[in-house]
Amino acid sequence: MIAFDLECSAGHLFEGWFDSGEAFEEQLARDLVRCPYCDDTAVRRVLSPVAVKKSQAPEGVSREAIDYRRLAREIVNYVKENFEDVGPRFAAEALKMQYGVKERRNIRGSATAEEEKILEKEGVPFFKFPLPKDTDPEKN
């Protein structure tokens, strides 16, 4: 499957999925590609805002030099060392900091989907980042 960004003659932008580039061209020629907003069949491909993979690594960094596992470990260690683990109290602690009940500090923990919705509604910034569970049996 391949996805193309498309635009109709009325200026509506939408995405279309096709088995191949040839399948897109065939469907376009037979007026089978229609705008989902206005049903227009005068559709054309537009440039997609996608990241382009460069064939070269950034200057001074070889691809072989990047150890992604080590980088991931360093990020995990940084978070564990610099963020207080409040566990399932994350949403409550974040809301208390948001409204000045508690002093702001770096925290990490867990929240339910419902708690995440409340945090978003209240304008509390948070970032979901998976951390591996401790393998130390005394901490579990």
N, C-alpha and C. Protein backbone atom coordinates (compact mmCIF):
# COMPACT_ATOMS: atom_id res chain seq x y z
N MET A 1 0.85 -1.19 0.00
CA MET A 1 0.00 0.00 0.00
C MET A 1 0.89 1.24 0.00
N ILE A 2 0.37 2.28 -0.65
CA ILE A 2 1.08 3.55 -0.70
C ILE A 2 0.06 4.66 -0.45
N ALA A 3 0.48 5.67 0.28
CA ALA A 3 -0.40 6.79 0.60
C ALA A 3 0.07 8.01 -0.17
N PHE A 4 -0.89 8.73 -0.75
CA PHE A 4 -0.60 9.98 -1.44
C PHE A 4 -1.42 11.09 -0.82
N ASP A 5 -0.83 12.27 -0.74
CA ASP A 5 -1.59 13.45 -0.37
C ASP A 5 -2.21 13.98 -1.65
N LEU A 6 -3.50 14.27 -1.59
CA LEU A 6 -4.26 14.67 -2.77
C LEU A 6 -4.98 15.99 -2.52
N GLU A 7 -5.33 16.67 -3.63
CA GLU A 7 -6.08 17.91 -3.54
C GLU A 7 -7.08 17.95 -4.68
N CYS A 8 -8.31 18.36 -4.38
CA CYS A 8 -9.32 18.48 -5.43
C CYS A 8 -9.28 19.90 -5.99
N SER A 9 -10.05 20.15 -7.04
CA SER A 9 -10.05 21.47 -7.67
C SER A 9 -10.63 22.55 -6.76
N ALA A 10 -11.36 22.16 -5.72
CA ALA A 10 -11.90 23.12 -4.75
C ALA A 10 -10.90 23.43 -3.64
N GLY A 11 -9.74 22.76 -3.66
CA GLY A 11 -8.70 23.04 -2.67
C GLY A 11 -8.74 22.18 -1.43
N HIS A 12 -9.63 21.19 -1.39
CA HIS A 12 -9.67 20.29 -0.23
C HIS A 12 -8.47 19.35 -0.27
N LEU A 13 -7.77 19.24 0.86
CA LEU A 13 -6.64 18.32 0.97
C LEU A 13 -7.10 17.05 1.67
N PHE A 14 -6.65 15.90 1.17
CA PHE A 14 -7.00 14.63 1.78
C PHE A 14 -5.95 13.60 1.40
N GLU A 15 -6.02 12.46 2.05
CA GLU A 15 -5.06 11.39 1.83
C GLU A 15 -5.75 10.22 1.15
N GLY A 16 -5.07 9.60 0.22
CA GLY A 16 -5.60 8.42 -0.45
C GLY A 16 -4.61 7.27 -0.37
N TRP A 17 -5.13 6.06 -0.16
CA TRP A 17 -4.29 4.87 -0.07
C TRP A 17 -4.55 3.99 -1.29
N PHE A 18 -3.47 3.51 -1.91
CA PHE A 18 -3.59 2.73 -3.13
C PHE A 18 -2.63 1.55 -3.07
N ASP A 19 -2.94 0.51 -3.86
CA ASP A 19 -2.08 -0.66 -3.90
C ASP A 19 -0.71 -0.33 -4.48
N SER A 20 -0.67 0.63 -5.41
CA SER A 20 0.60 1.01 -6.04
C SER A 20 0.40 2.36 -6.72
N GLY A 21 1.50 2.92 -7.21
CA GLY A 21 1.40 4.16 -7.97
C GLY A 21 0.60 3.97 -9.25
N GLU A 22 0.78 2.80 -9.87
CA GLU A 22 0.03 2.51 -11.09
C GLU A 22 -1.47 2.41 -10.81
N ALA A 23 -1.82 1.79 -9.68
CA ALA A 23 -3.24 1.68 -9.31
C ALA A 23 -3.84 3.06 -9.11
N PHE A 24 -3.08 3.98 -8.50
CA PHE A 24 -3.57 5.35 -8.34
C PHE A 24 -3.84 5.98 -9.71
N GLU A 25 -2.86 5.87 -10.62
CA GLU A 25 -3.00 6.48 -11.94
C GLU A 25 -4.21 5.90 -12.69
N GLU A 26 -4.40 4.58 -12.61
CA GLU A 26 -5.55 3.93 -13.26
C GLU A 26 -6.87 4.46 -12.71
N GLN A 27 -6.98 4.51 -11.38
CA GLN A 27 -8.22 4.98 -10.75
C GLN A 27 -8.46 6.45 -11.06
N LEU A 28 -7.39 7.24 -11.10
CA LEU A 28 -7.52 8.65 -11.42
C LEU A 28 -8.04 8.84 -12.84
N ALA A 29 -7.51 8.06 -13.79
CA ALA A 29 -7.92 8.16 -15.19
C ALA A 29 -9.38 7.76 -15.38
N ARG A 30 -9.88 6.87 -14.53
CA ARG A 30 -11.27 6.41 -14.64
C ARG A 30 -12.22 7.20 -13.73
N ASP A 31 -11.75 8.33 -13.18
CA ASP A 31 -12.54 9.19 -12.28
C ASP A 31 -13.05 8.43 -11.05
N LEU A 32 -12.26 7.48 -10.56
CA LEU A 32 -12.65 6.73 -9.38
C LEU A 32 -12.11 7.35 -8.08
N VAL A 33 -11.20 8.30 -8.22
CA VAL A 33 -10.66 9.00 -7.05
C VAL A 33 -11.50 10.25 -6.85
N ARG A 34 -12.17 10.31 -5.70
CA ARG A 34 -13.08 11.43 -5.42
C ARG A 34 -12.72 12.11 -4.11
N CYS A 35 -12.96 13.41 -4.07
CA CYS A 35 -12.75 14.16 -2.85
C CYS A 35 -13.80 13.73 -1.82
N PRO A 36 -13.37 13.38 -0.60
CA PRO A 36 -14.34 12.96 0.42
C PRO A 36 -15.19 14.11 0.95
N TYR A 37 -14.80 15.35 0.65
CA TYR A 37 -15.54 16.51 1.15
C TYR A 37 -16.61 16.98 0.16
N CYS A 38 -16.26 16.99 -1.15
CA CYS A 38 -17.21 17.56 -2.12
C CYS A 38 -17.49 16.63 -3.30
N ASP A 39 -16.92 15.43 -3.30
CA ASP A 39 -17.15 14.43 -4.34
C ASP A 39 -16.56 14.82 -5.70
N ASP A 40 -15.66 15.78 -5.73
CA ASP A 40 -15.01 16.23 -6.96
C ASP A 40 -14.07 15.14 -7.47
N THR A 41 -14.06 14.91 -8.77
CA THR A 41 -13.14 13.92 -9.35
C THR A 41 -11.93 14.59 -10.00
N ALA A 42 -11.87 15.91 -10.00
CA ALA A 42 -10.70 16.62 -10.51
C ALA A 42 -9.67 16.68 -9.39
N VAL A 43 -8.90 15.62 -9.28
CA VAL A 43 -7.98 15.43 -8.16
C VAL A 43 -6.55 15.35 -8.68
N ARG A 44 -5.62 15.88 -7.90
CA ARG A 44 -4.21 15.79 -8.26
C ARG A 44 -3.38 15.48 -7.02
N ARG A 45 -2.21 14.88 -7.25
CA ARG A 45 -1.27 14.63 -6.15
C ARG A 45 -0.59 15.93 -5.78
N VAL A 46 -0.33 16.09 -4.49
CA VAL A 46 0.43 17.24 -4.01
C VAL A 46 1.63 16.72 -3.22
N LEU A 47 2.60 17.59 -3.03
CA LEU A 47 3.78 17.18 -2.27
C LEU A 47 3.40 16.82 -0.85
N SER A 48 3.96 15.74 -0.37
CA SER A 48 3.68 15.28 0.99
C SER A 48 4.70 15.89 1.95
N PRO A 49 4.24 16.35 3.11
CA PRO A 49 5.18 16.87 4.10
C PRO A 49 5.80 15.72 4.89
N VAL A 50 6.71 15.01 4.26
CA VAL A 50 7.32 13.85 4.91
C VAL A 50 8.79 14.12 5.17
N ALA A 51 9.32 13.41 6.10
CA ALA A 51 10.75 13.49 6.37
C ALA A 51 11.49 12.73 5.28
N VAL A 52 12.55 13.31 4.80
CA VAL A 52 13.35 12.66 3.77
C VAL A 52 14.59 12.10 4.43
N LYS A 53 14.80 10.83 4.26
CA LYS A 53 15.96 10.18 4.85
C LYS A 53 17.19 10.55 4.02
N LYS A 54 18.17 11.13 4.68
CA LYS A 54 19.39 11.51 3.99
C LYS A 54 20.29 10.30 3.87
N SER A 55 21.07 10.26 2.81
CA SER A 55 21.95 9.13 2.62
C SER A 55 23.20 9.24 3.47
N GLN A 56 23.42 10.43 4.04
CA GLN A 56 24.61 10.61 4.86
C GLN A 56 24.22 10.95 6.28
N ALA A 57 25.04 10.54 7.22
CA ALA A 57 24.84 10.90 8.62
C ALA A 57 25.25 12.36 8.79
N PRO A 58 24.77 13.03 9.83
CA PRO A 58 25.19 14.41 10.06
C PRO A 58 26.71 14.49 10.14
N GLU A 59 27.23 15.64 9.73
CA GLU A 59 28.68 15.82 9.71
C GLU A 59 29.28 15.55 11.09
N GLY A 60 30.34 14.78 11.10
CA GLY A 60 31.01 14.49 12.36
C GLY A 60 30.46 13.27 13.09
N VAL A 61 29.37 12.69 12.59
CA VAL A 61 28.78 11.53 13.25
C VAL A 61 28.60 10.43 12.21
N SER A 62 29.22 9.31 12.45
CA SER A 62 29.02 8.20 11.53
C SER A 62 27.84 7.37 12.03
N ARG A 63 27.16 6.73 11.12
CA ARG A 63 26.01 5.91 11.52
C ARG A 63 26.43 4.80 12.47
N GLU A 64 27.63 4.28 12.26
CA GLU A 64 28.12 3.21 13.12
C GLU A 64 28.38 3.72 14.53
N ALA A 65 28.66 5.03 14.67
CA ALA A 65 29.01 5.58 15.97
C ALA A 65 27.80 5.75 16.89
N ILE A 66 26.61 5.70 16.35
CA ILE A 66 25.41 5.89 17.16
C ILE A 66 25.00 4.55 17.75
N ASP A 67 25.10 4.43 19.05
CA ASP A 67 24.70 3.22 19.76
C ASP A 67 23.33 3.50 20.38
N TYR A 68 22.28 3.10 19.70
CA TYR A 68 20.92 3.44 20.12
C TYR A 68 20.53 2.80 21.45
N ARG A 69 21.02 1.62 21.71
CA ARG A 69 20.70 0.98 23.00
C ARG A 69 21.32 1.77 24.15
N ARG A 70 22.57 2.21 23.95
CA ARG A 70 23.23 3.00 24.98
C ARG A 70 22.50 4.32 25.18
N LEU A 71 22.10 4.94 24.08
CA LEU A 71 21.37 6.20 24.15
C LEU A 71 20.06 6.01 24.92
N ALA A 72 19.34 4.93 24.63
CA ALA A 72 18.08 4.66 25.34
C ALA A 72 18.33 4.45 26.83
N ARG A 73 19.40 3.71 27.17
CA ARG A 73 19.74 3.51 28.59
C ARG A 73 20.06 4.83 29.27
N GLU A 74 20.77 5.71 28.58
CA GLU A 74 21.12 7.01 29.16
C GLU A 74 19.87 7.85 29.41
N ILE A 75 18.93 7.81 28.48
CA ILE A 75 17.68 8.56 28.67
C ILE A 75 16.92 8.00 29.87
N VAL A 76 16.80 6.69 29.93
CA VAL A 76 16.09 6.06 31.06
C VAL A 76 16.77 6.42 32.37
N ASN A 77 18.10 6.33 32.41
CA ASN A 77 18.82 6.67 33.64
C ASN A 77 18.61 8.12 34.03
N TYR A 78 18.63 9.02 33.04
CA TYR A 78 18.42 10.44 33.33
C TYR A 78 17.05 10.66 33.96
N VAL A 79 16.03 10.06 33.36
CA VAL A 79 14.67 10.22 33.88
C VAL A 79 14.58 9.65 35.29
N LYS A 80 15.13 8.47 35.51
CA LYS A 80 15.06 7.85 36.84
C LYS A 80 15.80 8.67 37.89
N GLU A 81 16.91 9.29 37.51
CA GLU A 81 17.71 10.07 38.46
C GLU A 81 17.16 11.47 38.70
N ASN A 82 16.45 12.03 37.75
CA ASN A 82 16.05 13.44 37.83
C ASN A 82 14.55 13.68 37.97
N PHE A 83 13.76 12.64 38.00
CA PHE A 83 12.32 12.77 38.14
C PHE A 83 11.85 11.90 39.29
N GLU A 84 11.08 12.48 40.20
CA GLU A 84 10.56 11.73 41.34
C GLU A 84 9.45 10.79 40.87
N ASP A 85 9.54 9.53 41.25
CA ASP A 85 8.53 8.54 40.88
C ASP A 85 7.36 8.64 41.86
N VAL A 86 6.23 9.17 41.37
CA VAL A 86 5.04 9.30 42.22
C VAL A 86 4.03 8.19 41.92
N GLY A 87 4.41 7.27 41.04
CA GLY A 87 3.56 6.12 40.74
C GLY A 87 2.19 6.51 40.23
N PRO A 88 1.14 5.83 40.72
CA PRO A 88 -0.21 6.08 40.23
C PRO A 88 -0.79 7.42 40.72
N ARG A 89 -0.05 8.16 41.54
CA ARG A 89 -0.51 9.48 42.00
C ARG A 89 -0.11 10.58 41.02
N PHE A 90 0.39 10.21 39.84
CA PHE A 90 0.92 11.18 38.89
C PHE A 90 -0.07 12.30 38.59
N ALA A 91 -1.29 11.96 38.21
CA ALA A 91 -2.27 12.98 37.83
C ALA A 91 -2.57 13.92 38.99
N ALA A 92 -2.77 13.36 40.18
CA ALA A 92 -3.08 14.19 41.35
C ALA A 92 -1.92 15.14 41.66
N GLU A 93 -0.70 14.62 41.62
CA GLU A 93 0.48 15.46 41.91
C GLU A 93 0.63 16.55 40.85
N ALA A 94 0.43 16.20 39.59
CA ALA A 94 0.57 17.18 38.51
C ALA A 94 -0.47 18.29 38.64
N LEU A 95 -1.71 17.93 39.00
CA LEU A 95 -2.75 18.94 39.18
C LEU A 95 -2.44 19.85 40.37
N LYS A 96 -1.92 19.28 41.45
CA LYS A 96 -1.55 20.10 42.62
C LYS A 96 -0.47 21.11 42.24
N MET A 97 0.49 20.69 41.44
CA MET A 97 1.55 21.62 41.00
C MET A 97 0.98 22.67 40.06
N GLN A 98 0.06 22.27 39.20
CA GLN A 98 -0.55 23.19 38.24
C GLN A 98 -1.25 24.34 38.95
N TYR A 99 -1.90 24.04 40.07
CA TYR A 99 -2.69 25.05 40.77
C TYR A 99 -1.98 25.63 41.99
N GLY A 100 -0.67 25.38 42.11
CA GLY A 100 0.12 26.01 43.16
C GLY A 100 -0.02 25.43 44.54
N VAL A 101 -0.71 24.30 44.67
CA VAL A 101 -0.85 23.65 45.97
C VAL A 101 0.49 23.04 46.38
N LYS A 102 1.25 22.56 45.40
CA LYS A 102 2.57 22.00 45.65
C LYS A 102 3.57 22.70 44.75
N GLU A 103 4.82 22.74 45.20
CA GLU A 103 5.89 23.34 44.41
C GLU A 103 6.16 22.49 43.17
N ARG A 104 6.44 23.16 42.05
CA ARG A 104 6.74 22.44 40.81
C ARG A 104 8.05 21.68 40.94
N ARG A 105 8.04 20.45 40.40
CA ARG A 105 9.23 19.61 40.39
C ARG A 105 9.06 18.59 39.27
N ASN A 106 10.13 17.93 38.94
CA ASN A 106 10.08 16.88 37.92
C ASN A 106 9.48 15.63 38.54
N ILE A 107 8.40 15.14 37.94
CA ILE A 107 7.79 13.90 38.43
C ILE A 107 7.58 12.94 37.28
N ARG A 108 7.48 11.69 37.64
CA ARG A 108 7.12 10.64 36.68
C ARG A 108 6.19 9.68 37.39
N GLY A 109 5.40 8.97 36.62
CA GLY A 109 4.48 8.02 37.21
C GLY A 109 3.53 7.51 36.15
N SER A 110 2.38 7.05 36.60
CA SER A 110 1.41 6.50 35.66
C SER A 110 0.07 7.19 35.84
N ALA A 111 -0.71 7.18 34.77
CA ALA A 111 -2.04 7.77 34.80
C ALA A 111 -2.96 6.94 33.92
N THR A 112 -4.22 6.90 34.30
CA THR A 112 -5.20 6.19 33.48
C THR A 112 -5.56 7.07 32.29
N ALA A 113 -6.24 6.50 31.31
CA ALA A 113 -6.68 7.27 30.14
C ALA A 113 -7.60 8.41 30.58
N GLU A 114 -8.46 8.15 31.55
CA GLU A 114 -9.37 9.18 32.05
C GLU A 114 -8.58 10.30 32.73
N GLU A 115 -7.57 9.94 33.51
CA GLU A 115 -6.74 10.96 34.16
C GLU A 115 -5.98 11.79 33.13
N GLU A 116 -5.51 11.16 32.06
CA GLU A 116 -4.83 11.89 31.00
C GLU A 116 -5.76 12.91 30.36
N LYS A 117 -7.02 12.55 30.15
CA LYS A 117 -7.99 13.49 29.59
C LYS A 117 -8.18 14.69 30.51
N ILE A 118 -8.23 14.44 31.81
CA ILE A 118 -8.39 15.52 32.78
C ILE A 118 -7.17 16.44 32.73
N LEU A 119 -5.97 15.85 32.70
CA LEU A 119 -4.75 16.65 32.63
C LEU A 119 -4.75 17.53 31.37
N GLU A 120 -5.13 16.96 30.24
CA GLU A 120 -5.19 17.72 29.00
C GLU A 120 -6.20 18.85 29.11
N LYS A 121 -7.38 18.56 29.66
CA LYS A 121 -8.44 19.56 29.81
C LYS A 121 -7.99 20.71 30.71
N GLU A 122 -7.22 20.39 31.74
CA GLU A 122 -6.75 21.39 32.69
C GLU A 122 -5.47 22.10 32.22
N GLY A 123 -4.97 21.71 31.06
CA GLY A 123 -3.78 22.36 30.51
C GLY A 123 -2.48 21.96 31.18
N VAL A 124 -2.45 20.78 31.76
CA VAL A 124 -1.24 20.30 32.42
C VAL A 124 -0.37 19.59 31.38
N PRO A 125 0.84 20.11 31.14
CA PRO A 125 1.69 19.45 30.15
C PRO A 125 2.27 18.15 30.71
N PHE A 126 2.24 17.11 29.89
CA PHE A 126 2.87 15.84 30.27
C PHE A 126 3.32 15.13 29.02
N PHE A 127 4.21 14.19 29.19
CA PHE A 127 4.77 13.45 28.07
C PHE A 127 4.78 11.98 28.43
N LYS A 128 4.22 11.16 27.56
CA LYS A 128 4.20 9.72 27.81
C LYS A 128 5.51 9.12 27.31
N PHE A 129 6.19 8.44 28.22
CA PHE A 129 7.49 7.86 27.91
C PHE A 129 7.58 6.51 28.60
N PRO A 130 7.69 5.43 27.84
CA PRO A 130 7.74 4.10 28.47
C PRO A 130 9.09 3.86 29.14
N LEU A 131 9.04 3.47 30.37
CA LEU A 131 10.25 3.10 31.11
C LEU A 131 10.17 1.61 31.42
N PRO A 132 11.29 0.90 31.26
CA PRO A 132 11.26 -0.52 31.60
C PRO A 132 11.09 -0.69 33.10
N LYS A 133 10.42 -1.75 33.49
CA LYS A 133 10.26 -2.05 34.92
C LYS A 133 11.61 -2.43 35.49
N ASP A 134 11.81 -2.06 36.77
CA ASP A 134 13.05 -2.44 37.45
C ASP A 134 13.16 -3.95 37.50
N THR A 135 14.35 -4.45 37.28
CA THR A 135 14.57 -5.89 37.36
C THR A 135 15.01 -6.31 38.75
N ASP A 136 15.18 -5.34 39.64
CA ASP A 136 15.55 -5.63 41.02
C ASP A 136 14.32 -6.17 41.74
N PRO A 137 14.33 -7.46 42.21
CA PRO A 137 13.14 -8.04 42.83
C PRO A 137 12.70 -7.30 44.10
N GLU A 138 13.62 -6.58 44.77
CA GLU A 138 13.25 -5.85 45.98
C GLU A 138 12.40 -4.63 45.66
N LYS A 139 12.51 -4.11 44.42
CA LYS A 139 11.75 -2.92 44.04
C LYS A 139 10.40 -3.26 43.45
N ASN A 140 10.15 -4.52 43.13
CA ASN A 140 8.87 -4.92 42.51
C ASN A 140 7.91 -5.47 43.51
